[in-house]
Structures are given as C-alpha cells and as structure tokens.
Amino acid sequence: MDYKALSTLLKTISDSNRLEIIDLLSCGELCACDLLEHFQFS
C-alpha cells in the first residue's frame, strides 16, 4: 500500500465541498456552470 498516495487522496476528499461535487458528479456529467449553481462561491 502506498501510504503517501492514500494520504493525498484522503486530504483531497476531506473537504465537504469536494465531497458534494463528487456526489453531484456521481449522477452524471455536469458542466462547471451547473456545479456552481449548488455553491456560494465562484
């Protein structure tokens, strides 16, 4: 097991906004403008 790669992956998905983006994309492809409609940032 590559612990450095696993650590990097876990840091990446530990952000709640990133998890929400992953969840939204799990239902199908979305363009950036569609993703931004769900968030309060640009």
Protein backbone atom coordinates (compact mmCIF):
# COMPACT_ATOMS: atom_id res chain seq x y z
CA MET A 1 0.00 0.00 0.00
CA ASP A 2 1.30 3.45 -0.92
CA TYR A 3 0.57 5.45 2.22
CA LYS A 4 1.69 8.76 0.69
CA ALA A 5 -0.79 8.44 -2.19
CA LEU A 6 -3.54 7.34 0.19
CA SER A 7 -2.83 10.31 2.45
CA THR A 8 -3.07 12.69 -0.51
CA LEU A 9 -6.36 11.15 -1.62
CA LEU A 10 -7.87 11.39 1.86
CA LYS A 11 -6.81 15.04 2.18
CA THR A 12 -8.41 15.78 -1.17
CA ILE A 13 -11.78 14.28 -0.32
CA SER A 14 -11.84 15.56 3.26
CA ASP A 15 -13.22 18.92 2.09
CA SER A 16 -17.03 18.97 2.32
CA ASN A 17 -17.41 20.97 -0.92
CA ARG A 18 -15.31 18.44 -2.82
CA LEU A 19 -17.38 15.59 -1.42
CA GLU A 20 -20.55 17.35 -2.55
CA ILE A 21 -19.08 17.83 -6.04
CA ILE A 22 -18.21 14.13 -6.19
CA ASP A 23 -21.76 13.28 -5.12
CA LEU A 24 -23.25 15.57 -7.79
CA LEU A 25 -21.00 14.09 -10.48
CA SER A 26 -21.87 10.54 -9.44
CA CYS A 27 -25.30 11.11 -11.03
CA GLY A 28 -23.78 12.07 -14.39
CA GLU A 29 -21.74 14.69 -16.17
CA LEU A 30 -22.25 18.35 -15.27
CA CYS A 31 -20.58 21.44 -16.62
CA ALA A 32 -18.94 23.92 -14.26
CA CYS A 33 -21.85 26.36 -14.53
CA ASP A 34 -24.24 23.61 -13.33
CA LEU A 35 -21.96 22.78 -10.41
CA LEU A 36 -21.66 26.43 -9.39
CA GLU A 37 -25.45 26.70 -9.03
CA HIS A 38 -25.15 24.46 -5.95
CA PHE A 39 -22.49 26.54 -4.17
CA GLN A 40 -21.99 30.05 -2.82
CA PHE A 41 -18.54 30.55 -4.35
CA SER A 42 -17.17 31.35 -7.80
